[in-house]
Amino acid sequence: MEARDLRVSDAEREHVGELLQRAVGQGMLSLGEFTERMDTALAAKTRAELNVVLVDLPGIQLISDFTPPPYPDQPYVSRPAPPVPPVAHRSPAPPPGEVIRGRMSSVSRTGLWNVPPALEVNTRLSTVTLDFTRAVMTTQVVHVTIDDYASTISLIVPEEATVDLNGVETVGGSATNKVRTGPPIGPLHVVVRGKVRFGNVTAKHPFGTSIRRMFG
């Protein structure tokens, strides 16, 4: 069987996504072209289908030509990790939690759903809604880690909740906080970190909250 007919893995699709992102940064692709090619890459089953989105980009190594670097000849020797200098106000690493995945799909968590202390949102070209207004909370602080390409992610929180989006890195996208930020002063504080590429993440109250405030 030729290399072009081999099946591709999620890791190879992710690698192609990074190459397309680099091409956008170098001006070789528009955002519209990036979205179309990511759509093709995520649906590709063979290396030949995956290489279609790379073949006209100069300086890009095709997947069929890619080989992992060889292991070093010398035996592995365990070395102690270097000491980590103390940093003021270092935020603790979020614990492992539920993983929410979406590939060209619509994903939602609404109503009386159980919210773990940590959530990971791993999405590509999807629409994600996390509605905390009626959710069952186990902790006051919820950590949300995002790894996304070209998705729309909405965090809907109660009026008394706070959200911290300062840890979100955006590449050709946006992170918009329409609610109060930290520190946690109410029953729910959502801390969001991660990377959004050509997508957007928005923290907001339920529809009609501002109107109720006005006439309440």
N, C-alpha and C. Protein backbone atom coordinates (compact mmCIF):
# COMPACT_ATOMS: atom_id res chain seq x y z
N MET A 1 0.84 -1.19 0.00
CA MET A 1 0.00 0.00 0.00
C MET A 1 0.88 1.25 0.00
N GLU A 2 0.54 2.22 -0.86
CA GLU A 2 1.31 3.45 -0.93
C GLU A 2 1.01 4.33 0.28
N ALA A 3 1.99 5.20 0.59
CA ALA A 3 1.86 6.07 1.76
C ALA A 3 0.64 6.97 1.64
N ARG A 4 0.30 7.39 0.40
CA ARG A 4 -0.82 8.30 0.21
C ARG A 4 -2.17 7.66 0.56
N ASP A 5 -2.21 6.33 0.58
CA ASP A 5 -3.46 5.63 0.87
C ASP A 5 -3.61 5.26 2.34
N LEU A 6 -2.59 5.56 3.15
CA LEU A 6 -2.66 5.23 4.57
C LEU A 6 -3.68 6.11 5.28
N ARG A 7 -4.32 5.55 6.30
CA ARG A 7 -5.27 6.31 7.10
C ARG A 7 -4.53 7.33 7.97
N VAL A 8 -5.18 8.46 8.22
CA VAL A 8 -4.55 9.51 9.03
C VAL A 8 -5.13 9.48 10.44
N SER A 9 -4.33 9.97 11.39
CA SER A 9 -4.72 10.01 12.79
C SER A 9 -5.15 11.42 13.17
N ASP A 10 -5.73 11.54 14.35
CA ASP A 10 -6.09 12.86 14.86
C ASP A 10 -4.85 13.74 15.03
N ALA A 11 -3.72 13.13 15.42
CA ALA A 11 -2.49 13.91 15.59
C ALA A 11 -2.05 14.53 14.26
N GLU A 12 -2.20 13.79 13.15
CA GLU A 12 -1.83 14.33 11.84
C GLU A 12 -2.78 15.45 11.43
N ARG A 13 -4.08 15.29 11.74
CA ARG A 13 -5.02 16.38 11.44
C ARG A 13 -4.68 17.62 12.24
N GLU A 14 -4.32 17.43 13.52
CA GLU A 14 -3.93 18.56 14.36
C GLU A 14 -2.68 19.26 13.80
N HIS A 15 -1.73 18.45 13.32
CA HIS A 15 -0.50 19.00 12.74
C HIS A 15 -0.81 19.85 11.51
N VAL A 16 -1.72 19.36 10.67
CA VAL A 16 -2.11 20.12 9.48
C VAL A 16 -2.80 21.42 9.89
N GLY A 17 -3.62 21.38 10.94
CA GLY A 17 -4.27 22.60 11.42
C GLY A 17 -3.25 23.65 11.84
N GLU A 18 -2.18 23.22 12.49
CA GLU A 18 -1.12 24.16 12.89
C GLU A 18 -0.42 24.74 11.67
N LEU A 19 -0.19 23.91 10.63
CA LEU A 19 0.44 24.40 9.41
C LEU A 19 -0.46 25.43 8.71
N LEU A 20 -1.77 25.18 8.70
CA LEU A 20 -2.69 26.13 8.08
C LEU A 20 -2.74 27.43 8.87
N GLN A 21 -2.69 27.32 10.19
CA GLN A 21 -2.66 28.51 11.02
C GLN A 21 -1.41 29.35 10.72
N ARG A 22 -0.27 28.66 10.55
CA ARG A 22 0.97 29.37 10.22
C ARG A 22 0.85 30.05 8.85
N ALA A 23 0.18 29.39 7.91
CA ALA A 23 0.00 29.98 6.57
C ALA A 23 -0.84 31.24 6.63
N VAL A 24 -1.84 31.26 7.51
CA VAL A 24 -2.65 32.48 7.69
C VAL A 24 -1.78 33.61 8.23
N GLY A 25 -0.96 33.28 9.24
CA GLY A 25 -0.08 34.30 9.82
C GLY A 25 0.92 34.86 8.82
N GLN A 26 1.29 34.08 7.80
CA GLN A 26 2.24 34.54 6.79
C GLN A 26 1.55 35.17 5.59
N GLY A 27 0.22 35.27 5.64
CA GLY A 27 -0.51 35.93 4.57
C GLY A 27 -0.78 35.07 3.36
N MET A 28 -0.55 33.76 3.46
CA MET A 28 -0.77 32.89 2.31
C MET A 28 -2.23 32.46 2.18
N LEU A 29 -2.98 32.52 3.30
CA LEU A 29 -4.39 32.12 3.29
C LEU A 29 -5.23 33.19 3.98
N SER A 30 -6.45 33.38 3.50
CA SER A 30 -7.40 34.24 4.19
C SER A 30 -8.12 33.42 5.26
N LEU A 31 -8.86 34.09 6.13
CA LEU A 31 -9.60 33.38 7.16
C LEU A 31 -10.65 32.45 6.55
N GLY A 32 -11.27 32.90 5.46
CA GLY A 32 -12.26 32.06 4.79
C GLY A 32 -11.63 30.80 4.22
N GLU A 33 -10.46 30.95 3.60
CA GLU A 33 -9.76 29.78 3.06
C GLU A 33 -9.32 28.85 4.19
N PHE A 34 -8.87 29.44 5.31
CA PHE A 34 -8.48 28.63 6.45
C PHE A 34 -9.64 27.77 6.92
N THR A 35 -10.82 28.37 7.06
CA THR A 35 -11.99 27.63 7.52
C THR A 35 -12.34 26.49 6.58
N GLU A 36 -12.32 26.76 5.27
CA GLU A 36 -12.64 25.73 4.28
C GLU A 36 -11.63 24.57 4.34
N ARG A 37 -10.36 24.92 4.47
CA ARG A 37 -9.34 23.86 4.48
C ARG A 37 -9.35 23.08 5.78
N MET A 38 -9.65 23.75 6.91
CA MET A 38 -9.78 23.02 8.16
C MET A 38 -10.94 22.04 8.10
N ASP A 39 -12.02 22.46 7.44
CA ASP A 39 -13.18 21.59 7.26
C ASP A 39 -12.76 20.33 6.49
N THR A 40 -11.99 20.52 5.42
CA THR A 40 -11.51 19.39 4.61
C THR A 40 -10.55 18.51 5.41
N ALA A 41 -9.65 19.15 6.18
CA ALA A 41 -8.66 18.39 6.95
C ALA A 41 -9.32 17.53 8.02
N LEU A 42 -10.32 18.06 8.69
CA LEU A 42 -10.98 17.30 9.75
C LEU A 42 -11.78 16.13 9.20
N ALA A 43 -12.21 16.25 7.94
CA ALA A 43 -12.99 15.16 7.33
C ALA A 43 -12.10 14.16 6.59
N ALA A 44 -10.82 14.46 6.43
CA ALA A 44 -9.92 13.59 5.65
C ALA A 44 -9.73 12.23 6.33
N LYS A 45 -9.69 11.18 5.53
CA LYS A 45 -9.48 9.82 6.04
C LYS A 45 -8.12 9.25 5.63
N THR A 46 -7.57 9.73 4.49
CA THR A 46 -6.28 9.24 4.03
C THR A 46 -5.31 10.40 3.91
N ARG A 47 -4.02 10.06 3.78
CA ARG A 47 -3.01 11.09 3.65
C ARG A 47 -3.19 11.88 2.35
N ALA A 48 -3.63 11.21 1.31
CA ALA A 48 -3.86 11.91 0.04
C ALA A 48 -4.93 12.98 0.21
N GLU A 49 -6.01 12.65 0.91
CA GLU A 49 -7.08 13.64 1.13
C GLU A 49 -6.59 14.78 2.02
N LEU A 50 -5.74 14.46 2.99
CA LEU A 50 -5.24 15.48 3.91
C LEU A 50 -4.26 16.42 3.22
N ASN A 51 -3.45 15.88 2.30
CA ASN A 51 -2.44 16.69 1.62
C ASN A 51 -3.05 17.69 0.65
N VAL A 52 -4.32 17.50 0.27
CA VAL A 52 -4.96 18.43 -0.66
C VAL A 52 -4.92 19.86 -0.13
N VAL A 53 -5.04 20.03 1.19
CA VAL A 53 -5.10 21.39 1.76
C VAL A 53 -3.72 22.01 1.89
N LEU A 54 -2.65 21.23 1.64
CA LEU A 54 -1.29 21.74 1.79
C LEU A 54 -0.52 21.86 0.48
N VAL A 55 -1.01 21.21 -0.58
CA VAL A 55 -0.18 21.01 -1.77
C VAL A 55 0.24 22.31 -2.44
N ASP A 56 -0.55 23.40 -2.34
CA ASP A 56 -0.19 24.65 -3.01
C ASP A 56 0.48 25.65 -2.08
N LEU A 57 0.85 25.23 -0.87
CA LEU A 57 1.50 26.14 0.07
C LEU A 57 3.01 25.91 0.02
N PRO A 58 3.79 26.93 -0.34
CA PRO A 58 5.24 26.75 -0.46
C PRO A 58 5.89 26.52 0.90
N GLY A 59 6.90 25.65 0.89
CA GLY A 59 7.67 25.41 2.10
C GLY A 59 6.99 24.53 3.12
N ILE A 60 5.85 23.90 2.77
CA ILE A 60 5.12 23.04 3.71
C ILE A 60 5.42 21.58 3.39
N GLN A 61 5.83 20.82 4.41
CA GLN A 61 6.14 19.40 4.22
C GLN A 61 4.85 18.60 4.23
N LEU A 62 4.62 17.83 3.18
CA LEU A 62 3.41 17.03 3.09
C LEU A 62 3.43 15.90 4.11
N ILE A 63 2.24 15.47 4.51
CA ILE A 63 2.13 14.45 5.54
C ILE A 63 2.75 13.13 5.09
N SER A 64 2.63 12.80 3.81
CA SER A 64 3.19 11.54 3.32
C SER A 64 4.71 11.51 3.40
N ASP A 65 5.33 12.70 3.45
CA ASP A 65 6.79 12.78 3.54
C ASP A 65 7.27 12.91 4.97
N PHE A 66 6.33 13.05 5.91
CA PHE A 66 6.70 13.33 7.29
C PHE A 66 7.11 12.06 8.01
N THR A 67 8.28 12.09 8.65
CA THR A 67 8.71 10.99 9.50
C THR A 67 9.14 11.56 10.83
N PRO A 68 8.81 10.91 11.92
CA PRO A 68 9.20 11.43 13.23
C PRO A 68 10.70 11.39 13.41
N PRO A 69 11.26 12.28 14.21
CA PRO A 69 12.70 12.26 14.45
C PRO A 69 13.11 10.99 15.16
N PRO A 70 14.33 10.46 14.86
CA PRO A 70 14.77 9.22 15.50
C PRO A 70 15.06 9.43 16.98
N TYR A 71 14.98 8.35 17.73
CA TYR A 71 15.33 8.43 19.14
C TYR A 71 16.84 8.63 19.27
N PRO A 72 17.30 9.30 20.31
CA PRO A 72 18.74 9.50 20.49
C PRO A 72 19.44 8.17 20.75
N ASP A 73 20.70 8.07 20.32
CA ASP A 73 21.47 6.84 20.49
C ASP A 73 21.84 6.61 21.94
N GLN A 74 22.13 7.68 22.68
CA GLN A 74 22.58 7.51 24.05
C GLN A 74 21.40 7.09 24.93
N PRO A 75 21.69 6.27 25.95
CA PRO A 75 20.61 5.82 26.84
C PRO A 75 20.03 6.99 27.62
N TYR A 76 18.79 6.84 27.97
CA TYR A 76 18.11 7.89 28.72
C TYR A 76 18.59 7.90 30.17
N VAL A 77 18.95 9.05 30.67
CA VAL A 77 19.41 9.22 32.04
C VAL A 77 18.47 10.18 32.74
N SER A 78 17.89 9.73 33.83
CA SER A 78 16.98 10.59 34.58
C SER A 78 17.75 11.69 35.28
N ARG A 79 17.30 12.91 35.13
CA ARG A 79 17.93 14.06 35.78
C ARG A 79 16.88 14.78 36.60
N PRO A 80 17.29 15.30 37.75
CA PRO A 80 16.31 16.04 38.57
C PRO A 80 15.84 17.29 37.84
N ALA A 81 14.58 17.61 38.01
CA ALA A 81 14.03 18.82 37.39
C ALA A 81 14.63 20.06 38.03
N PRO A 82 14.87 21.11 37.22
CA PRO A 82 15.42 22.34 37.80
C PRO A 82 14.42 22.96 38.75
N PRO A 83 14.91 23.64 39.78
CA PRO A 83 13.99 24.26 40.73
C PRO A 83 13.17 25.35 40.06
N VAL A 84 11.90 25.46 40.46
CA VAL A 84 11.01 26.48 39.93
C VAL A 84 11.03 27.67 40.85
N PRO A 85 11.43 28.85 40.35
CA PRO A 85 11.48 30.01 41.23
C PRO A 85 10.08 30.37 41.71
N PRO A 86 9.98 30.85 42.94
CA PRO A 86 8.65 31.23 43.44
C PRO A 86 8.09 32.42 42.66
N VAL A 87 6.81 32.34 42.36
CA VAL A 87 6.13 33.42 41.65
C VAL A 87 4.95 33.86 42.50
N ALA A 88 4.84 35.15 42.70
CA ALA A 88 3.75 35.68 43.52
C ALA A 88 2.41 35.43 42.86
N HIS A 89 1.45 35.02 43.65
CA HIS A 89 0.08 34.82 43.19
C HIS A 89 0.00 33.77 42.08
N ARG A 90 0.81 32.73 42.16
CA ARG A 90 0.76 31.67 41.16
C ARG A 90 -0.57 30.92 41.28
N SER A 91 -1.32 30.80 40.20
CA SER A 91 -2.60 30.10 40.23
C SER A 91 -2.36 28.60 40.21
N PRO A 92 -3.05 27.84 41.04
CA PRO A 92 -2.86 26.39 41.03
C PRO A 92 -3.35 25.78 39.73
N ALA A 93 -2.69 24.71 39.31
CA ALA A 93 -3.10 24.03 38.08
C ALA A 93 -4.47 23.40 38.29
N PRO A 94 -5.35 23.54 37.30
CA PRO A 94 -6.69 22.96 37.47
C PRO A 94 -6.62 21.43 37.50
N PRO A 95 -7.47 20.81 38.31
CA PRO A 95 -7.49 19.34 38.36
C PRO A 95 -8.07 18.77 37.07
N PRO A 96 -7.78 17.49 36.77
CA PRO A 96 -8.38 16.88 35.58
C PRO A 96 -9.89 16.80 35.72
N GLY A 97 -10.60 16.96 34.62
CA GLY A 97 -12.06 16.94 34.68
C GLY A 97 -12.67 16.41 33.41
N GLU A 98 -13.93 16.71 33.20
CA GLU A 98 -14.66 16.23 32.04
C GLU A 98 -14.15 16.89 30.76
N VAL A 99 -14.07 16.12 29.68
CA VAL A 99 -13.63 16.64 28.39
C VAL A 99 -14.86 16.76 27.48
N ILE A 100 -15.07 17.96 26.96
CA ILE A 100 -16.16 18.21 26.01
C ILE A 100 -15.54 18.35 24.63
N ARG A 101 -15.85 17.43 23.72
CA ARG A 101 -15.27 17.42 22.39
C ARG A 101 -16.33 17.76 21.35
N GLY A 102 -15.91 18.48 20.31
CA GLY A 102 -16.80 18.79 19.21
C GLY A 102 -16.02 18.93 17.93
N ARG A 103 -16.47 18.27 16.88
CA ARG A 103 -15.86 18.37 15.56
C ARG A 103 -16.96 18.68 14.56
N MET A 104 -17.02 19.95 14.14
CA MET A 104 -18.04 20.39 13.19
C MET A 104 -19.43 20.02 13.71
N SER A 105 -19.70 20.33 14.96
CA SER A 105 -20.95 19.92 15.58
C SER A 105 -21.43 20.98 16.56
N SER A 106 -22.61 20.74 17.14
CA SER A 106 -23.18 21.62 18.15
C SER A 106 -23.21 20.86 19.47
N VAL A 107 -22.61 21.46 20.50
CA VAL A 107 -22.51 20.82 21.81
C VAL A 107 -23.08 21.77 22.85
N SER A 108 -23.91 21.26 23.75
CA SER A 108 -24.48 22.13 24.79
C SER A 108 -24.60 21.37 26.10
N ARG A 109 -24.43 22.12 27.18
CA ARG A 109 -24.70 21.65 28.53
C ARG A 109 -25.66 22.65 29.15
N THR A 110 -26.91 22.26 29.34
CA THR A 110 -27.92 23.17 29.85
C THR A 110 -28.76 22.46 30.91
N GLY A 111 -29.60 23.24 31.59
CA GLY A 111 -30.50 22.67 32.58
C GLY A 111 -29.77 22.23 33.83
N LEU A 112 -30.25 21.14 34.43
CA LEU A 112 -29.70 20.64 35.70
C LEU A 112 -28.56 19.66 35.46
N TRP A 113 -27.48 20.14 34.86
CA TRP A 113 -26.34 19.26 34.61
C TRP A 113 -25.31 19.42 35.74
N ASN A 114 -24.61 18.35 36.04
CA ASN A 114 -23.61 18.35 37.10
C ASN A 114 -22.29 18.91 36.58
N VAL A 115 -21.81 19.96 37.22
CA VAL A 115 -20.59 20.64 36.78
C VAL A 115 -19.41 20.17 37.64
N PRO A 116 -18.40 19.53 37.03
CA PRO A 116 -17.23 19.11 37.80
C PRO A 116 -16.34 20.33 38.10
N PRO A 117 -15.36 20.17 38.98
CA PRO A 117 -14.46 21.30 39.28
C PRO A 117 -13.66 21.79 38.07
N ALA A 118 -13.47 20.93 37.06
CA ALA A 118 -12.69 21.31 35.89
C ALA A 118 -13.34 20.75 34.63
N LEU A 119 -13.30 21.55 33.56
CA LEU A 119 -13.82 21.16 32.26
C LEU A 119 -12.77 21.45 31.21
N GLU A 120 -12.64 20.56 30.24
CA GLU A 120 -11.76 20.80 29.08
C GLU A 120 -12.63 20.85 27.83
N VAL A 121 -12.54 21.95 27.09
CA VAL A 121 -13.30 22.12 25.86
C VAL A 121 -12.33 21.96 24.69
N ASN A 122 -12.47 20.86 23.95
CA ASN A 122 -11.59 20.55 22.82
C ASN A 122 -12.45 20.52 21.57
N THR A 123 -12.43 21.61 20.80
CA THR A 123 -13.40 21.76 19.72
C THR A 123 -12.74 22.25 18.43
N ARG A 124 -13.40 21.91 17.32
CA ARG A 124 -12.99 22.34 15.99
C ARG A 124 -14.26 22.66 15.19
N LEU A 125 -14.37 23.91 14.74
CA LEU A 125 -15.48 24.32 13.88
C LEU A 125 -16.83 23.93 14.47
N SER A 126 -17.03 24.22 15.75
CA SER A 126 -18.24 23.81 16.45
C SER A 126 -18.91 24.99 17.14
N THR A 127 -20.12 24.76 17.62
CA THR A 127 -20.85 25.72 18.44
C THR A 127 -21.07 25.10 19.81
N VAL A 128 -20.54 25.74 20.85
CA VAL A 128 -20.58 25.17 22.20
C VAL A 128 -21.29 26.14 23.13
N THR A 129 -22.25 25.63 23.90
CA THR A 129 -22.96 26.42 24.90
C THR A 129 -22.85 25.73 26.25
N LEU A 130 -22.26 26.42 27.23
CA LEU A 130 -22.19 25.93 28.60
C LEU A 130 -23.04 26.87 29.44
N ASP A 131 -24.23 26.42 29.84
CA ASP A 131 -25.19 27.24 30.58
C ASP A 131 -25.15 26.82 32.05
N PHE A 132 -24.62 27.73 32.89
CA PHE A 132 -24.46 27.44 34.31
C PHE A 132 -25.63 27.95 35.16
N THR A 133 -26.65 28.52 34.54
CA THR A 133 -27.69 29.21 35.32
C THR A 133 -28.49 28.26 36.20
N ARG A 134 -28.70 27.01 35.76
CA ARG A 134 -29.46 26.04 36.56
C ARG A 134 -28.62 24.81 36.89
N ALA A 135 -27.33 24.90 36.63
CA ALA A 135 -26.45 23.75 36.81
C ALA A 135 -26.26 23.42 38.29
N VAL A 136 -25.92 22.15 38.54
CA VAL A 136 -25.64 21.69 39.90
C VAL A 136 -24.14 21.79 40.13
N MET A 137 -23.72 22.70 41.02
CA MET A 137 -22.31 22.97 41.24
C MET A 137 -21.78 22.11 42.37
N THR A 138 -20.53 21.66 42.23
CA THR A 138 -19.86 20.93 43.31
C THR A 138 -18.80 21.79 43.98
N THR A 139 -18.36 22.84 43.32
CA THR A 139 -17.36 23.76 43.87
C THR A 139 -17.74 25.19 43.49
N GLN A 140 -17.22 26.15 44.25
CA GLN A 140 -17.47 27.55 43.92
C GLN A 140 -16.71 27.96 42.67
N VAL A 141 -15.48 27.48 42.52
CA VAL A 141 -14.62 27.85 41.39
C VAL A 141 -14.59 26.70 40.39
N VAL A 142 -14.85 27.01 39.13
CA VAL A 142 -14.81 26.02 38.04
C VAL A 142 -13.72 26.45 37.06
N HIS A 143 -12.81 25.55 36.75
CA HIS A 143 -11.74 25.80 35.78
C HIS A 143 -12.15 25.26 34.42
N VAL A 144 -12.08 26.11 33.40
CA VAL A 144 -12.41 25.69 32.03
C VAL A 144 -11.16 25.91 31.16
N THR A 145 -10.67 24.84 30.55
CA THR A 145 -9.50 24.91 29.67
C THR A 145 -9.97 24.70 28.23
N ILE A 146 -9.61 25.63 27.35
CA ILE A 146 -10.09 25.61 25.96
C ILE A 146 -8.93 25.34 25.00
N ASP A 147 -9.16 24.43 24.07
CA ASP A 147 -8.26 24.19 22.94
C ASP A 147 -9.16 24.16 21.71
N ASP A 148 -9.16 25.26 20.94
CA ASP A 148 -10.19 25.41 19.91
C ASP A 148 -9.64 25.96 18.61
N TYR A 149 -10.26 25.52 17.50
CA TYR A 149 -10.08 26.10 16.17
C TYR A 149 -11.45 26.51 15.64
N ALA A 150 -11.63 27.80 15.39
CA ALA A 150 -12.76 28.32 14.60
C ALA A 150 -14.13 27.92 15.14
N SER A 151 -14.30 27.95 16.46
CA SER A 151 -15.60 27.64 17.06
C SER A 151 -16.19 28.85 17.76
N THR A 152 -17.47 28.77 18.09
CA THR A 152 -18.15 29.79 18.89
C THR A 152 -18.51 29.15 20.23
N ILE A 153 -17.92 29.68 21.30
CA ILE A 153 -18.10 29.12 22.64
C ILE A 153 -18.78 30.16 23.52
N SER A 154 -19.92 29.80 24.10
CA SER A 154 -20.68 30.72 24.95
C SER A 154 -20.76 30.15 26.37
N LEU A 155 -20.40 30.99 27.34
CA LEU A 155 -20.53 30.64 28.75
C LEU A 155 -21.63 31.51 29.33
N ILE A 156 -22.73 30.90 29.72
CA ILE A 156 -23.87 31.64 30.26
C ILE A 156 -23.92 31.41 31.77
N VAL A 157 -23.81 32.50 32.54
CA VAL A 157 -23.69 32.37 33.99
C VAL A 157 -24.79 33.16 34.69
N PRO A 158 -25.12 32.80 35.94
CA PRO A 158 -26.11 33.57 36.69
C PRO A 158 -25.65 35.00 36.94
N GLU A 159 -26.59 35.86 37.32
CA GLU A 159 -26.29 37.28 37.49
C GLU A 159 -25.22 37.52 38.55
N GLU A 160 -25.20 36.70 39.61
CA GLU A 160 -24.26 36.93 40.71
C GLU A 160 -22.89 36.29 40.47
N ALA A 161 -22.71 35.60 39.35
CA ALA A 161 -21.46 34.89 39.07
C ALA A 161 -20.39 35.84 38.53
N THR A 162 -19.14 35.38 38.61
CA THR A 162 -18.00 36.12 38.05
C THR A 162 -17.22 35.19 37.13
N VAL A 163 -16.57 35.80 36.12
CA VAL A 163 -15.81 35.02 35.13
C VAL A 163 -14.47 35.70 34.87
N ASP A 164 -13.42 34.92 34.81
CA ASP A 164 -12.07 35.40 34.51
C ASP A 164 -11.63 34.83 33.17
N LEU A 165 -11.51 35.70 32.14
CA LEU A 165 -11.05 35.28 30.81
C LEU A 165 -9.63 35.72 30.53
N ASN A 166 -8.91 36.20 31.53
CA ASN A 166 -7.58 36.75 31.30
C ASN A 166 -6.57 35.72 30.84
N GLY A 167 -6.85 34.43 31.08
CA GLY A 167 -5.91 33.39 30.68
C GLY A 167 -6.17 32.82 29.30
N VAL A 168 -7.06 33.46 28.51
CA VAL A 168 -7.37 32.96 27.17
C VAL A 168 -6.48 33.65 26.14
N GLU A 169 -5.74 32.87 25.37
CA GLU A 169 -4.92 33.39 24.27
C GLU A 169 -5.71 33.27 22.97
N THR A 170 -5.81 34.35 22.22
CA THR A 170 -6.56 34.33 20.97
C THR A 170 -5.63 34.55 19.78
N VAL A 171 -5.87 33.78 18.72
CA VAL A 171 -5.15 33.93 17.45
C VAL A 171 -6.20 34.15 16.37
N GLY A 172 -6.34 35.38 15.91
CA GLY A 172 -7.36 35.68 14.91
C GLY A 172 -8.77 35.50 15.44
N GLY A 173 -8.95 35.55 16.76
CA GLY A 173 -10.26 35.36 17.36
C GLY A 173 -10.52 36.41 18.43
N SER A 174 -11.44 36.09 19.37
CA SER A 174 -11.77 37.07 20.40
C SER A 174 -12.21 36.36 21.67
N ALA A 175 -12.01 37.05 22.80
CA ALA A 175 -12.50 36.61 24.11
C ALA A 175 -13.20 37.80 24.73
N THR A 176 -14.52 37.70 24.91
CA THR A 176 -15.34 38.83 25.36
C THR A 176 -16.02 38.48 26.68
N ASN A 177 -15.79 39.31 27.69
CA ASN A 177 -16.40 39.09 29.00
C ASN A 177 -17.46 40.16 29.24
N LYS A 178 -18.74 39.76 29.26
CA LYS A 178 -19.84 40.68 29.46
C LYS A 178 -20.38 40.64 30.89
N VAL A 179 -19.68 39.95 31.78
CA VAL A 179 -20.11 39.87 33.17
C VAL A 179 -18.97 40.37 34.07
N ARG A 180 -19.19 40.35 35.38
CA ARG A 180 -18.16 40.78 36.31
C ARG A 180 -17.01 39.78 36.33
N THR A 181 -15.81 40.31 36.50
CA THR A 181 -14.65 39.44 36.59
C THR A 181 -14.38 39.14 38.06
N GLY A 182 -13.24 38.44 38.35
CA GLY A 182 -12.95 38.01 39.71
C GLY A 182 -12.54 39.16 40.61
N PRO A 183 -12.22 38.85 41.86
CA PRO A 183 -12.12 37.52 42.47
C PRO A 183 -13.49 36.94 42.78
N PRO A 184 -13.55 35.66 43.15
CA PRO A 184 -14.86 35.06 43.43
C PRO A 184 -15.56 35.71 44.61
N ILE A 185 -16.73 36.26 44.37
CA ILE A 185 -17.48 36.92 45.44
C ILE A 185 -18.88 36.33 45.57
N GLY A 186 -19.26 35.43 44.70
CA GLY A 186 -20.59 34.83 44.74
C GLY A 186 -20.51 33.32 44.74
N PRO A 187 -21.60 32.66 44.44
CA PRO A 187 -21.62 31.20 44.48
C PRO A 187 -20.87 30.54 43.33
N LEU A 188 -20.52 31.30 42.28
CA LEU A 188 -19.84 30.71 41.12
C LEU A 188 -18.80 31.66 40.56
N HIS A 189 -17.60 31.15 40.37
CA HIS A 189 -16.52 31.89 39.70
C HIS A 189 -15.89 30.96 38.67
N VAL A 190 -15.93 31.33 37.39
CA VAL A 190 -15.42 30.51 36.30
C VAL A 190 -14.08 31.07 35.83
N VAL A 191 -13.05 30.27 35.87
CA VAL A 191 -11.71 30.66 35.41
C VAL A 191 -11.43 29.96 34.09
N VAL A 192 -11.23 30.74 33.04
CA VAL A 192 -11.07 30.18 31.69
C VAL A 192 -9.64 30.41 31.21
N ARG A 193 -9.01 29.35 30.73
CA ARG A 193 -7.66 29.44 30.18
C ARG A 193 -7.61 28.63 28.88
N GLY A 194 -6.54 28.85 28.11
CA GLY A 194 -6.37 28.06 26.90
C GLY A 194 -6.16 28.93 25.68
N LYS A 195 -6.45 28.35 24.51
CA LYS A 195 -6.15 29.00 23.24
C LYS A 195 -7.33 28.88 22.29
N VAL A 196 -7.71 30.02 21.69
CA VAL A 196 -8.78 30.07 20.72
C VAL A 196 -8.21 30.58 19.40
N ARG A 197 -8.29 29.76 18.34
CA ARG A 197 -7.72 30.12 17.05
C ARG A 197 -8.86 30.38 16.06
N PHE A 198 -9.00 31.63 15.63
CA PHE A 198 -9.99 32.02 14.62
C PHE A 198 -11.42 31.72 15.09
N GLY A 199 -11.63 31.67 16.37
CA GLY A 199 -12.96 31.49 16.94
C GLY A 199 -13.22 32.55 17.98
N ASN A 200 -14.25 32.36 18.79
CA ASN A 200 -14.53 33.33 19.84
C ASN A 200 -15.15 32.65 21.04
N VAL A 201 -14.85 33.21 22.21
CA VAL A 201 -15.43 32.75 23.46
C VAL A 201 -16.05 33.96 24.15
N THR A 202 -17.28 33.82 24.63
CA THR A 202 -18.01 34.93 25.24
C THR A 202 -18.62 34.47 26.56
N ALA A 203 -18.43 35.27 27.61
CA ALA A 203 -19.08 35.04 28.90
C ALA A 203 -20.20 36.07 29.04
N LYS A 204 -21.40 35.62 29.34
CA LYS A 204 -22.54 36.53 29.37
C LYS A 204 -23.61 36.02 30.32
N HIS A 205 -24.58 36.91 30.63
CA HIS A 205 -25.74 36.53 31.41
C HIS A 205 -26.83 36.01 30.47
N PRO A 206 -27.85 35.35 31.02
CA PRO A 206 -28.97 34.90 30.17
C PRO A 206 -29.66 36.06 29.49
N PHE A 207 -30.28 35.78 28.36
CA PHE A 207 -30.99 36.82 27.61
C PHE A 207 -32.08 37.45 28.49
N GLY A 208 -32.13 38.78 28.49
CA GLY A 208 -33.14 39.49 29.26
C GLY A 208 -32.69 39.95 30.64
N THR A 209 -31.46 39.59 31.04
CA THR A 209 -30.99 39.98 32.37
C THR A 209 -30.91 41.49 32.53
N SER A 210 -30.38 42.17 31.52
CA SER A 210 -30.26 43.64 31.60
C SER A 210 -31.63 44.32 31.67
N ILE A 211 -32.61 43.73 30.98
CA ILE A 211 -33.96 44.32 31.03
C ILE A 211 -34.57 44.14 32.41
N ARG A 212 -34.35 42.98 33.01
CA ARG A 212 -34.87 42.75 34.35
C ARG A 212 -34.22 43.69 35.36
N ARG A 213 -32.91 43.96 35.17
CA ARG A 213 -32.26 44.91 36.05
C ARG A 213 -32.87 46.30 35.92
N MET A 214 -33.20 46.67 34.71
CA MET A 214 -33.72 48.01 34.46
C MET A 214 -35.08 48.22 35.11
N PHE A 215 -35.94 47.20 35.07
CA PHE A 215 -37.29 47.34 35.60
C PHE A 215 -37.51 46.62 36.93
N GLY A 216 -36.40 46.00 37.44
CA GLY A 216 -36.55 45.26 38.69
C GLY A 216 -36.58 46.15 39.92
